[in-house]
Amino acid sequence: MRRPLAATCLLTALLAGCTTGPSLENQGEVTAPPGDSKSLTIGSAGFTESDLLAQMYAKLLAKAGYKTTLLTVANRELYEPALESGQIDVVPEYAATFADWLNAKANGADAPPVGSPDLAATMTALRRLATPRGLTVLDPGKAVDQNAFAVTAAYAEQHRLKTLSDLGRSGLKVRLAAGDECVKRPYCKPGLEQTYGINITAIDPKGVGTTQAKKAVQSGQDQMVLTTSTDATLGEFGLVLLADDKKLQNADYIVPVVNRSRAGSEKVAGVLDELNKVLTTADLASMNQQVDSWRRLPEDVAETYLKEKGLL
């Protein structure tokens, strides 16, 4: 899809390091009152799910009377400062991941993580970190995109597996297709072993949810793959998710984040909360599938969904 001219110019400014407003590092704590600009730029991180969410945000805000522009900036190191400065006004984020990212930005890469499986604690930490930067984190909805683990449906049926606890109790040896970082990350190999007692014999470094990784499990080369809870293509590989019944994974619920001085109004919050009330993890997975597997445009999928839910 061709990017609008205004978005292209703005992206050029971003890549050149241009800023138009206050940043925490340069001007201290941002104290501007909540704003209600009638022209809003909605940011996307450039992958399918983010594109879908940005499209839905833009359509709902346009219906409410705002002039909206979509802007794709795939690098969080670029779009987060743009959100602070007001070059981007609204962006969909993931609670625990964004909390940890802001924490590392404020306190260094080695700072203990603040994101956790506890949504309330994660949101408290996220808002504490976001507010001084002039950002407002709106309420999370039902939809969550967490790390998740899948096995073949045949494997699950053979060994009577529905949860990760079931897999741990089975004593089966498991070769896991994942990213290199899985060896050390607490949500991956260490957590699976300590929390669930799963016997991980090796990490096959094929990436997170990649086609290559799924094919390795499908063929029996590996027994399990690290993917995400909104993965749209599991069925194509005969894979099913095992439930994270002990809540090892962080609370990566989807949250809208806004620039307080431009989009911090109760009206914006109310508009986006209407989506939060209906959007589920399964809905997101279905929409991802329509884009990734059926080759539908994110804009069309987003509009169809909103109409089906009576929001447009």
C-alpha atoms as a PDB file:
ATOM      1  CA  MET A   1       0.000   0.000   0.000  1.00  0.00           C
ATOM      2  CA  ARG A   2       1.409   3.415  -0.967  1.00  0.00           C
ATOM      3  CA  ARG A   3       2.244   5.598   2.038  1.00  0.00           C
ATOM      4  CA  PRO A   4       0.519   9.036   2.026  1.00  0.00           C
ATOM      5  CA  LEU A   5       2.793  11.962   1.171  1.00  0.00           C
ATOM      6  CA  ALA A   6       2.453  13.503   4.629  1.00  0.00           C
ATOM      7  CA  ALA A   7       3.510  10.239   6.223  1.00  0.00           C
ATOM      8  CA  THR A   8       6.496   9.963   3.862  1.00  0.00           C
ATOM      9  CA  CYS A   9       7.691  13.452   4.770  1.00  0.00           C
ATOM     10  CA  LEU A  10       7.270  12.719   8.456  1.00  0.00           C
ATOM     11  CA  LEU A  11       9.186   9.457   8.166  1.00  0.00           C
ATOM     12  CA  THR A  12      12.021  11.315   6.431  1.00  0.00           C
ATOM     13  CA  ALA A  13      12.151  13.752   9.327  1.00  0.00           C
ATOM     14  CA  LEU A  14      12.241  10.891  11.810  1.00  0.00           C
ATOM     15  CA  LEU A  15      15.099   9.137  10.078  1.00  0.00           C
ATOM     16  CA  ALA A  16      17.013  12.401   9.989  1.00  0.00           C
ATOM     17  CA  GLY A  17      16.701  12.621  13.757  1.00  0.00           C
ATOM     18  CA  CYS A  18      14.375  15.612  13.702  1.00  0.00           C
ATOM     19  CA  THR A  19      12.254  16.313  16.777  1.00  0.00           C
ATOM     20  CA  THR A  20       9.482  18.845  17.234  1.00  0.00           C
ATOM     21  CA  GLY A  21       8.672  18.637  20.919  1.00  0.00           C
ATOM     22  CA  PRO A  22      10.006  17.926  24.377  1.00  0.00           C
ATOM     23  CA  SER A  23      11.906  14.755  25.236  1.00  0.00           C
ATOM     24  CA  LEU A  24      12.686  13.457  28.685  1.00  0.00           C
ATOM     25  CA  GLU A  25      16.441  13.469  28.175  1.00  0.00           C
ATOM     26  CA  ASN A  26      16.576  17.086  26.957  1.00  0.00           C
ATOM     27  CA  GLN A  27      13.832  18.925  28.796  1.00  0.00           C
ATOM     28  CA  GLY A  28      13.002  17.019  31.925  1.00  0.00           C
ATOM     29  CA  GLU A  29       9.631  15.706  32.989  1.00  0.00           C
ATOM     30  CA  VAL A  30       6.794  16.520  30.618  1.00  0.00           C
ATOM     31  CA  THR A  31       3.904  18.220  32.392  1.00  0.00           C
ATOM     32  CA  ALA A  32       1.621  19.323  29.536  1.00  0.00           C
ATOM     33  CA  PRO A  33      -2.113  18.883  30.186  1.00  0.00           C
ATOM     34  CA  PRO A  34      -4.096  16.318  28.204  1.00  0.00           C
ATOM     35  CA  GLY A  35      -4.629  17.538  24.660  1.00  0.00           C
ATOM     36  CA  ASP A  36      -7.224  16.841  21.982  1.00  0.00           C
ATOM     37  CA  SER A  37      -5.688  17.637  18.607  1.00  0.00           C
ATOM     38  CA  LYS A  38      -8.135  17.195  15.761  1.00  0.00           C
ATOM     39  CA  SER A  39      -5.409  15.842  13.464  1.00  0.00           C
ATOM     40  CA  LEU A  40      -3.749  12.650  14.693  1.00  0.00           C
ATOM     41  CA  THR A  41      -0.953  10.460  13.340  1.00  0.00           C
ATOM     42  CA  ILE A  42      -1.375   6.760  14.110  1.00  0.00           C
ATOM     43  CA  GLY A  43       1.839   4.763  14.222  1.00  0.00           C
ATOM     44  CA  SER A  44       2.408   1.169  13.163  1.00  0.00           C
ATOM     45  CA  ALA A  45       5.488  -0.960  13.824  1.00  0.00           C
ATOM     46  CA  GLY A  46       5.245  -2.441  10.345  1.00  0.00           C
ATOM     47  CA  PHE A  47       4.204  -6.035  10.990  1.00  0.00           C
ATOM     48  CA  THR A  48       0.767  -7.448  10.236  1.00  0.00           C
ATOM     49  CA  GLU A  49      -0.765  -7.223  13.691  1.00  0.00           C
ATOM     50  CA  SER A  50       0.494  -3.703  14.307  1.00  0.00           C
ATOM     51  CA  ASP A  51      -0.797  -2.622  10.890  1.00  0.00           C
ATOM     52  CA  LEU A  52      -4.233  -4.053  11.691  1.00  0.00           C
ATOM     53  CA  LEU A  53      -4.420  -2.332  15.064  1.00  0.00           C
ATOM     54  CA  ALA A  54      -3.261   0.992  13.623  1.00  0.00           C
ATOM     55  CA  GLN A  55      -5.878   0.735  10.874  1.00  0.00           C
ATOM     56  CA  MET A  56      -8.613   0.074  13.427  1.00  0.00           C
ATOM     57  CA  TYR A  57      -7.461   2.950  15.631  1.00  0.00           C
ATOM     58  CA  ALA A  58      -7.413   5.296  12.633  1.00  0.00           C
ATOM     59  CA  LYS A  59     -10.863   4.263  11.394  1.00  0.00           C
ATOM     60  CA  LEU A  60     -12.477   4.609  14.808  1.00  0.00           C
ATOM     61  CA  LEU A  61     -10.884   7.991  15.443  1.00  0.00           C
ATOM     62  CA  ALA A  62     -11.884   9.187  11.968  1.00  0.00           C
ATOM     63  CA  LYS A  63     -15.471   8.173  12.699  1.00  0.00           C
ATOM     64  CA  ALA A  64     -15.264  10.249  15.894  1.00  0.00           C
ATOM     65  CA  GLY A  65     -14.304  13.340  13.882  1.00  0.00           C
ATOM     66  CA  TYR A  66     -10.514  13.270  13.880  1.00  0.00           C
ATOM     67  CA  LYS A  67      -8.396  13.658  10.771  1.00  0.00           C
ATOM     68  CA  THR A  68      -6.049  10.660  10.827  1.00  0.00           C
ATOM     69  CA  THR A  69      -2.791   9.800   9.073  1.00  0.00           C
ATOM     70  CA  LEU A  70      -1.085   6.420   9.198  1.00  0.00           C
ATOM     71  CA  LEU A  71       2.685   6.163   9.574  1.00  0.00           C
ATOM     72  CA  THR A  72       4.781   3.004   9.588  1.00  0.00           C
ATOM     73  CA  VAL A  73       8.064   3.118  11.521  1.00  0.00           C
ATOM     74  CA  ALA A  74       9.308  -0.409  12.120  1.00  0.00           C
ATOM     75  CA  ASN A  75      11.978   0.483  14.661  1.00  0.00           C
ATOM     76  CA  ARG A  76      10.870   1.190  18.247  1.00  0.00           C
ATOM     77  CA  GLU A  77      14.069   3.201  18.719  1.00  0.00           C
ATOM     78  CA  LEU A  78      12.578   5.627  16.183  1.00  0.00           C
ATOM     79  CA  TYR A  79       8.855   5.552  16.828  1.00  0.00           C
ATOM     80  CA  GLU A  80       8.973   5.863  20.625  1.00  0.00           C
ATOM     81  CA  PRO A  81      10.877   9.195  20.578  1.00  0.00           C
ATOM     82  CA  ALA A  82       8.501  10.341  17.827  1.00  0.00           C
ATOM     83  CA  LEU A  83       5.611   9.478  20.129  1.00  0.00           C
ATOM     84  CA  GLU A  84       7.196  11.532  22.898  1.00  0.00           C
ATOM     85  CA  SER A  85       7.715  14.527  20.624  1.00  0.00           C
ATOM     86  CA  GLY A  86       4.238  14.454  19.111  1.00  0.00           C
ATOM     87  CA  GLN A  87       5.244  13.433  15.594  1.00  0.00           C
ATOM     88  CA  ILE A  88       3.247  10.284  16.282  1.00  0.00           C
ATOM     89  CA  ASP A  89       0.170  10.646  18.480  1.00  0.00           C
ATOM     90  CA  VAL A  90      -1.138   7.115  18.987  1.00  0.00           C
ATOM     91  CA  VAL A  91       0.505   3.698  18.710  1.00  0.00           C
ATOM     92  CA  PRO A  92      -0.544   0.140  19.646  1.00  0.00           C
ATOM     93  CA  GLU A  93       1.887  -1.426  22.108  1.00  0.00           C
ATOM     94  CA  TYR A  94       2.354  -4.529  24.260  1.00  0.00           C
ATOM     95  CA  ALA A  95       2.242  -3.867  27.995  1.00  0.00           C
ATOM     96  CA  ALA A  96       5.108  -5.969  29.380  1.00  0.00           C
ATOM     97  CA  THR A  97       7.410  -5.547  26.384  1.00  0.00           C
ATOM     98  CA  PHE A  98       6.965  -1.776  26.316  1.00  0.00           C
ATOM     99  CA  ALA A  99       7.416  -1.523  30.081  1.00  0.00           C
ATOM    100  CA  ASP A 100      10.719  -3.381  29.865  1.00  0.00           C
ATOM    101  CA  TRP A 101      11.823  -1.300  26.891  1.00  0.00           C
ATOM    102  CA  LEU A 102      11.139   2.003  28.681  1.00  0.00           C
ATOM    103  CA  ASN A 103      12.775   0.633  31.821  1.00  0.00           C
ATOM    104  CA  ALA A 104      15.949  -0.221  29.926  1.00  0.00           C
ATOM    105  CA  LYS A 105      15.902   3.212  28.289  1.00  0.00           C
ATOM    106  CA  ALA A 106      15.592   4.934  31.660  1.00  0.00           C
ATOM    107  CA  ASN A 107      17.751   2.675  33.805  1.00  0.00           C
ATOM    108  CA  GLY A 108      20.118   0.870  31.460  1.00  0.00           C
ATOM    109  CA  ALA A 109      20.078  -2.390  29.542  1.00  0.00           C
ATOM    110  CA  ASP A 110      20.955  -4.377  32.668  1.00  0.00           C
ATOM    111  CA  ALA A 111      18.045  -3.033  34.736  1.00  0.00           C
ATOM    112  CA  PRO A 112      15.881  -5.786  36.246  1.00  0.00           C
ATOM    113  CA  PRO A 113      12.744  -6.291  34.131  1.00  0.00           C
ATOM    114  CA  VAL A 114       9.507  -4.711  35.323  1.00  0.00           C
ATOM    115  CA  GLY A 115       7.186  -6.576  32.968  1.00  0.00           C
ATOM    116  CA  SER A 116       5.705  -9.720  34.482  1.00  0.00           C
ATOM    117  CA  PRO A 117       2.797 -12.168  34.111  1.00  0.00           C
ATOM    118  CA  ASP A 118       0.875  -9.933  36.541  1.00  0.00           C
ATOM    119  CA  LEU A 119      -1.058  -7.472  34.378  1.00  0.00           C
ATOM    120  CA  ALA A 120      -1.850  -5.020  37.193  1.00  0.00           C
ATOM    121  CA  ALA A 121       1.785  -4.845  38.337  1.00  0.00           C
ATOM    122  CA  THR A 122       2.965  -4.521  34.739  1.00  0.00           C
ATOM    123  CA  MET A 123       0.552  -1.675  34.010  1.00  0.00           C
ATOM    124  CA  THR A 124       1.594   0.154  37.173  1.00  0.00           C
ATOM    125  CA  ALA A 125       5.251  -0.088  36.186  1.00  0.00           C
ATOM    126  CA  LEU A 126       4.517   0.900  32.579  1.00  0.00           C
ATOM    127  CA  ARG A 127       2.544   3.997  33.537  1.00  0.00           C
ATOM    128  CA  ARG A 128       5.197   5.038  36.048  1.00  0.00           C
ATOM    129  CA  LEU A 129       7.800   4.934  33.279  1.00  0.00           C
ATOM    130  CA  ALA A 130       5.622   6.435  30.539  1.00  0.00           C
ATOM    131  CA  THR A 131       4.119   9.424  32.362  1.00  0.00           C
ATOM    132  CA  PRO A 132       7.355  11.439  32.770  1.00  0.00           C
ATOM    133  CA  ARG A 133       7.902  11.083  29.045  1.00  0.00           C
ATOM    134  CA  GLY A 134       4.612  12.775  28.227  1.00  0.00           C
ATOM    135  CA  LEU A 135       2.930   9.494  27.341  1.00  0.00           C
ATOM    136  CA  THR A 136      -0.401   8.166  28.543  1.00  0.00           C
ATOM    137  CA  VAL A 137      -1.008   4.420  28.533  1.00  0.00           C
ATOM    138  CA  LEU A 138      -4.673   3.654  28.056  1.00  0.00           C
ATOM    139  CA  ASP A 139      -6.410   0.657  29.582  1.00  0.00           C
ATOM    140  CA  PRO A 140      -5.652  -2.799  28.173  1.00  0.00           C
ATOM    141  CA  GLY A 141      -8.375  -4.864  26.610  1.00  0.00           C
ATOM    142  CA  LYS A 142      -8.876  -8.626  26.336  1.00  0.00           C
ATOM    143  CA  ALA A 143      -6.389  -9.279  23.540  1.00  0.00           C
ATOM    144  CA  VAL A 144      -2.908 -10.479  24.408  1.00  0.00           C
ATOM    145  CA  ASP A 145      -0.010 -11.421  22.140  1.00  0.00           C
ATOM    146  CA  GLN A 146       2.345 -13.460  24.282  1.00  0.00           C
ATOM    147  CA  ASN A 147       5.067 -15.940  23.584  1.00  0.00           C
ATOM    148  CA  ALA A 148       3.487 -19.358  23.200  1.00  0.00           C
ATOM    149  CA  PHE A 149       4.546 -22.930  22.508  1.00  0.00           C
ATOM    150  CA  ALA A 150       3.075 -25.301  19.936  1.00  0.00           C
ATOM    151  CA  VAL A 151       3.373 -29.004  19.119  1.00  0.00           C
ATOM    152  CA  THR A 152       1.746 -31.053  16.369  1.00  0.00           C
ATOM    153  CA  ALA A 153      -1.867 -31.997  16.947  1.00  0.00           C
ATOM    154  CA  ALA A 154      -0.882 -35.650  16.502  1.00  0.00           C
ATOM    155  CA  TYR A 155       1.837 -35.372  19.151  1.00  0.00           C
ATOM    156  CA  ALA A 156      -0.576 -33.681  21.551  1.00  0.00           C
ATOM    157  CA  GLU A 157      -3.206 -36.360  20.994  1.00  0.00           C
ATOM    158  CA  GLN A 158      -0.716 -39.233  21.293  1.00  0.00           C
ATOM    159  CA  HIS A 159       0.603 -38.008  24.632  1.00  0.00           C
ATOM    160  CA  ARG A 160      -2.624 -36.411  25.909  1.00  0.00           C
ATOM    161  CA  LEU A 161      -1.174 -32.923  26.061  1.00  0.00           C
ATOM    162  CA  LYS A 162      -3.245 -29.792  26.507  1.00  0.00           C
ATOM    163  CA  THR A 163      -0.984 -27.719  28.740  1.00  0.00           C
ATOM    164  CA  LEU A 164       2.708 -27.159  29.313  1.00  0.00           C
ATOM    165  CA  SER A 165       2.236 -28.831  32.684  1.00  0.00           C
ATOM    166  CA  ASP A 166       1.040 -31.941  30.853  1.00  0.00           C
ATOM    167  CA  LEU A 167       4.225 -31.921  28.807  1.00  0.00           C
ATOM    168  CA  GLY A 168       6.364 -31.556  31.923  1.00  0.00           C
ATOM    169  CA  ARG A 169       4.629 -34.445  33.649  1.00  0.00           C
ATOM    170  CA  SER A 170       5.048 -36.650  30.567  1.00  0.00           C
ATOM    171  CA  GLY A 171       8.840 -36.720  30.934  1.00  0.00           C
ATOM    172  CA  LEU A 172       9.195 -36.549  27.148  1.00  0.00           C
ATOM    173  CA  LYS A 173      12.472 -35.301  25.704  1.00  0.00           C
ATOM    174  CA  VAL A 174      11.823 -32.103  23.796  1.00  0.00           C
ATOM    175  CA  ARG A 175      13.910 -30.447  21.119  1.00  0.00           C
ATOM    176  CA  LEU A 176      12.661 -26.857  20.861  1.00  0.00           C
ATOM    177  CA  ALA A 177      12.683 -24.710  17.712  1.00  0.00           C
ATOM    178  CA  ALA A 178      13.227 -21.122  18.849  1.00  0.00           C
ATOM    179  CA  GLY A 179      15.608 -18.183  18.678  1.00  0.00           C
ATOM    180  CA  ASP A 180      19.172 -18.231  20.001  1.00  0.00           C
ATOM    181  CA  GLU A 181      18.122 -16.133  22.998  1.00  0.00           C
ATOM    182  CA  CYS A 182      15.841 -18.932  24.221  1.00  0.00           C
ATOM    183  CA  VAL A 183      18.776 -20.531  26.029  1.00  0.00           C
ATOM    184  CA  LYS A 184      18.934 -17.660  28.533  1.00  0.00           C
ATOM    185  CA  ARG A 185      15.526 -15.949  28.483  1.00  0.00           C
ATOM    186  CA  PRO A 186      13.427 -16.707  31.595  1.00  0.00           C
ATOM    187  CA  TYR A 187      10.261 -17.198  29.529  1.00  0.00           C
ATOM    188  CA  CYS A 188      11.939 -19.844  27.367  1.00  0.00           C
ATOM    189  CA  LYS A 189      14.275 -22.763  28.170  1.00  0.00           C
ATOM    190  CA  PRO A 190      15.028 -21.835  31.828  1.00  0.00           C
ATOM    191  CA  GLY A 191      11.357 -21.138  32.567  1.00  0.00           C
ATOM    192  CA  LEU A 192      10.097 -24.245  30.810  1.00  0.00           C
ATOM    193  CA  GLU A 193      12.513 -26.339  32.844  1.00  0.00           C
ATOM    194  CA  GLN A 194      12.048 -24.633  36.212  1.00  0.00           C
ATOM    195  CA  THR A 195       8.340 -23.813  36.067  1.00  0.00           C
ATOM    196  CA  TYR A 196       7.062 -26.834  34.173  1.00  0.00           C
ATOM    197  CA  GLY A 197       9.779 -29.447  34.523  1.00  0.00           C
ATOM    198  CA  ILE A 198       9.979 -29.908  30.744  1.00  0.00           C
ATOM    199  CA  ASN A 199      13.027 -31.850  29.580  1.00  0.00           C
ATOM    200  CA  ILE A 200      14.516 -29.542  26.928  1.00  0.00           C
ATOM    201  CA  THR A 201      17.338 -31.484  25.298  1.00  0.00           C
ATOM    202  CA  ALA A 202      18.347 -28.864  22.712  1.00  0.00           C
ATOM    203  CA  ILE A 203      17.418 -25.522  21.168  1.00  0.00           C
ATOM    204  CA  ASP A 204      17.146 -25.599  17.381  1.00  0.00           C
ATOM    205  CA  PRO A 205      17.913 -21.944  16.431  1.00  0.00           C
ATOM    206  CA  LYS A 206      15.370 -21.463  13.677  1.00  0.00           C
ATOM    207  CA  GLY A 207      13.747 -18.305  15.043  1.00  0.00           C
ATOM    208  CA  VAL A 208      10.469 -17.424  16.732  1.00  0.00           C
ATOM    209  CA  GLY A 209       7.454 -18.692  14.825  1.00  0.00           C
ATOM    210  CA  THR A 210       9.269 -18.842  11.489  1.00  0.00           C
ATOM    211  CA  THR A 211       8.130 -21.114   8.694  1.00  0.00           C
ATOM    212  CA  GLN A 212      11.399 -23.004   9.023  1.00  0.00           C
ATOM    213  CA  ALA A 213      10.803 -23.578  12.735  1.00  0.00           C
ATOM    214  CA  LYS A 214       7.238 -24.784  12.212  1.00  0.00           C
ATOM    215  CA  LYS A 215       8.289 -27.138   9.445  1.00  0.00           C
ATOM    216  CA  ALA A 216      10.908 -28.629  11.769  1.00  0.00           C
ATOM    217  CA  VAL A 217       8.184 -29.510  14.260  1.00  0.00           C
ATOM    218  CA  GLN A 218       5.797 -30.653  11.552  1.00  0.00           C
ATOM    219  CA  SER A 219       8.432 -33.077  10.245  1.00  0.00           C
ATOM    220  CA  GLY A 220       9.304 -34.400  13.699  1.00  0.00           C
ATOM    221  CA  GLN A 221      12.838 -33.006  13.653  1.00  0.00           C
ATOM    222  CA  ASP A 222      11.805 -30.903  16.658  1.00  0.00           C
ATOM    223  CA  GLN A 223       8.959 -31.517  19.091  1.00  0.00           C
ATOM    224  CA  MET A 224       7.925 -27.959  19.976  1.00  0.00           C
ATOM    225  CA  VAL A 225       8.188 -24.438  18.565  1.00  0.00           C
ATOM    226  CA  LEU A 226       8.255 -21.030  20.226  1.00  0.00           C
ATOM    227  CA  THR A 227       5.711 -18.776  18.532  1.00  0.00           C
ATOM    228  CA  THR A 228       3.048 -16.273  19.659  1.00  0.00           C
ATOM    229  CA  SER A 229      -0.519 -16.534  20.912  1.00  0.00           C
ATOM    230  CA  THR A 230      -1.897 -14.780  17.810  1.00  0.00           C
ATOM    231  CA  ASP A 231       0.050 -16.883  15.284  1.00  0.00           C
ATOM    232  CA  ALA A 232      -2.251 -17.164  12.300  1.00  0.00           C
ATOM    233  CA  THR A 233      -0.624 -20.087  10.512  1.00  0.00           C
ATOM    234  CA  LEU A 234      -0.380 -22.881  13.081  1.00  0.00           C
ATOM    235  CA  GLY A 235      -3.194 -24.860  11.491  1.00  0.00           C
ATOM    236  CA  GLU A 236      -1.391 -24.901   8.147  1.00  0.00           C
ATOM    237  CA  PHE A 237       1.402 -26.905   9.790  1.00  0.00           C
ATOM    238  CA  GLY A 238      -0.876 -29.134  11.860  1.00  0.00           C
ATOM    239  CA  LEU A 239       0.219 -27.410  15.082  1.00  0.00           C
ATOM    240  CA  VAL A 240      -1.684 -26.573  18.264  1.00  0.00           C
ATOM    241  CA  LEU A 241      -0.764 -24.402  21.242  1.00  0.00           C
ATOM    242  CA  LEU A 242      -0.177 -25.846  24.702  1.00  0.00           C
ATOM    243  CA  ALA A 243      -1.729 -23.662  27.393  1.00  0.00           C
ATOM    244  CA  ASP A 244       0.607 -21.665  29.629  1.00  0.00           C
ATOM    245  CA  ASP A 245      -1.372 -22.826  32.662  1.00  0.00           C
ATOM    246  CA  LYS A 246       1.153 -21.588  35.254  1.00  0.00           C
ATOM    247  CA  LYS A 247       1.424 -18.173  33.581  1.00  0.00           C
ATOM    248  CA  LEU A 248       5.117 -18.182  32.747  1.00  0.00           C
ATOM    249  CA  GLN A 249       4.715 -15.600  29.993  1.00  0.00           C
ATOM    250  CA  ASN A 250       4.584 -11.866  30.564  1.00  0.00           C
ATOM    251  CA  ALA A 251       1.337  -9.891  30.366  1.00  0.00           C
ATOM    252  CA  ASP A 252       1.743  -8.587  26.830  1.00  0.00           C
ATOM    253  CA  TYR A 253      -1.796  -7.270  26.576  1.00  0.00           C
ATOM    254  CA  ILE A 254      -2.373  -4.793  23.798  1.00  0.00           C
ATOM    255  CA  VAL A 255      -2.524  -1.211  25.037  1.00  0.00           C
ATOM    256  CA  PRO A 256      -2.918   2.034  23.118  1.00  0.00           C
ATOM    257  CA  VAL A 257      -0.209   4.552  24.038  1.00  0.00           C
ATOM    258  CA  VAL A 258      -0.804   8.231  23.255  1.00  0.00           C
ATOM    259  CA  ASN A 259       1.083  11.498  23.371  1.00  0.00           C
ATOM    260  CA  ARG A 260      -0.573  13.189  26.349  1.00  0.00           C
ATOM    261  CA  SER A 261      -0.369  16.772  25.061  1.00  0.00           C
ATOM    262  CA  ARG A 262      -1.927  15.907  21.694  1.00  0.00           C
ATOM    263  CA  ALA A 263      -4.126  12.856  22.231  1.00  0.00           C
ATOM    264  CA  GLY A 264      -4.547  12.468  25.971  1.00  0.00           C
ATOM    265  CA  SER A 265      -8.199  13.479  26.046  1.00  0.00           C
ATOM    266  CA  GLU A 266     -11.023  11.424  27.500  1.00  0.00           C
ATOM    267  CA  LYS A 267     -12.601  11.424  24.051  1.00  0.00           C
ATOM    268  CA  VAL A 268      -9.644   9.612  22.435  1.00  0.00           C
ATOM    269  CA  ALA A 269      -9.512   7.165  25.336  1.00  0.00           C
ATOM    270  CA  GLY A 270     -13.234   6.482  25.028  1.00  0.00           C
ATOM    271  CA  VAL A 271     -13.028   5.857  21.276  1.00  0.00           C
ATOM    272  CA  LEU A 272     -10.185   3.354  21.593  1.00  0.00           C
ATOM    273  CA  ASP A 273     -11.763   1.677  24.600  1.00  0.00           C
ATOM    274  CA  GLU A 274     -14.706   0.666  22.406  1.00  0.00           C
ATOM    275  CA  LEU A 275     -12.317  -1.580  20.499  1.00  0.00           C
ATOM    276  CA  ASN A 276     -10.801  -2.922  23.724  1.00  0.00           C
ATOM    277  CA  LYS A 277     -14.238  -4.074  24.854  1.00  0.00           C
ATOM    278  CA  VAL A 278     -14.665  -6.466  21.925  1.00  0.00           C
ATOM    279  CA  LEU A 279     -11.210  -7.361  20.541  1.00  0.00           C
ATOM    280  CA  THR A 280      -9.959 -10.784  21.650  1.00  0.00           C
ATOM    281  CA  THR A 281      -6.785 -12.776  21.103  1.00  0.00           C
ATOM    282  CA  ALA A 282      -8.712 -15.118  18.804  1.00  0.00           C
ATOM    283  CA  ASP A 283      -9.991 -12.144  16.796  1.00  0.00           C
ATOM    284  CA  LEU A 284      -6.452 -10.943  16.247  1.00  0.00           C
ATOM    285  CA  ALA A 285      -5.259 -14.385  15.211  1.00  0.00           C
ATOM    286  CA  SER A 286      -8.112 -14.597  12.693  1.00  0.00           C
ATOM    287  CA  MET A 287      -7.328 -11.177  11.232  1.00  0.00           C
ATOM    288  CA  ASN A 288      -3.623 -11.983  11.051  1.00  0.00           C
ATOM    289  CA  GLN A 289      -4.514 -15.112   9.103  1.00  0.00           C
ATOM    290  CA  GLN A 290      -6.638 -13.174   6.631  1.00  0.00           C
ATOM    291  CA  VAL A 291      -3.696 -10.898   5.872  1.00  0.00           C
ATOM    292  CA  ASP A 292      -0.812 -13.372   6.043  1.00  0.00           C
ATOM    293  CA  SER A 293      -2.450 -16.430   4.497  1.00  0.00           C
ATOM    294  CA  TRP A 294      -5.351 -15.087   2.460  1.00  0.00           C
ATOM    295  CA  ARG A 295      -3.449 -11.998   1.238  1.00  0.00           C
ATOM    296  CA  ARG A 296      -6.166  -9.525   2.141  1.00  0.00           C
ATOM    297  CA  LEU A 297      -5.194  -5.916   2.805  1.00  0.00           C
ATOM    298  CA  PRO A 298      -4.974  -4.914   6.494  1.00  0.00           C
ATOM    299  CA  GLU A 299      -7.205  -1.908   5.779  1.00  0.00           C
ATOM    300  CA  ASP A 300      -9.967  -4.122   4.374  1.00  0.00           C
ATOM    301  CA  VAL A 301      -9.706  -6.708   7.152  1.00  0.00           C
ATOM    302  CA  ALA A 302      -9.806  -3.990   9.814  1.00  0.00           C
ATOM    303  CA  GLU A 303     -12.863  -2.332   8.267  1.00  0.00           C
ATOM    304  CA  THR A 304     -14.745  -5.624   7.936  1.00  0.00           C
ATOM    305  CA  TYR A 305     -14.063  -6.504  11.563  1.00  0.00           C
ATOM    306  CA  LEU A 306     -15.182  -3.127  12.883  1.00  0.00           C
ATOM    307  CA  LYS A 307     -18.391  -3.307  10.869  1.00  0.00           C
ATOM    308  CA  GLU A 308     -19.097  -6.836  12.089  1.00  0.00           C
ATOM    309  CA  LYS A 309     -18.730  -5.599  15.672  1.00  0.00           C
ATOM    310  CA  GLY A 310     -21.009  -2.609  15.054  1.00  0.00           C
ATOM    311  CA  LEU A 311     -18.230  -0.082  15.603  1.00  0.00           C
ATOM    312  CA  LEU A 312     -18.360   1.469  12.126  1.00  0.00           C
END
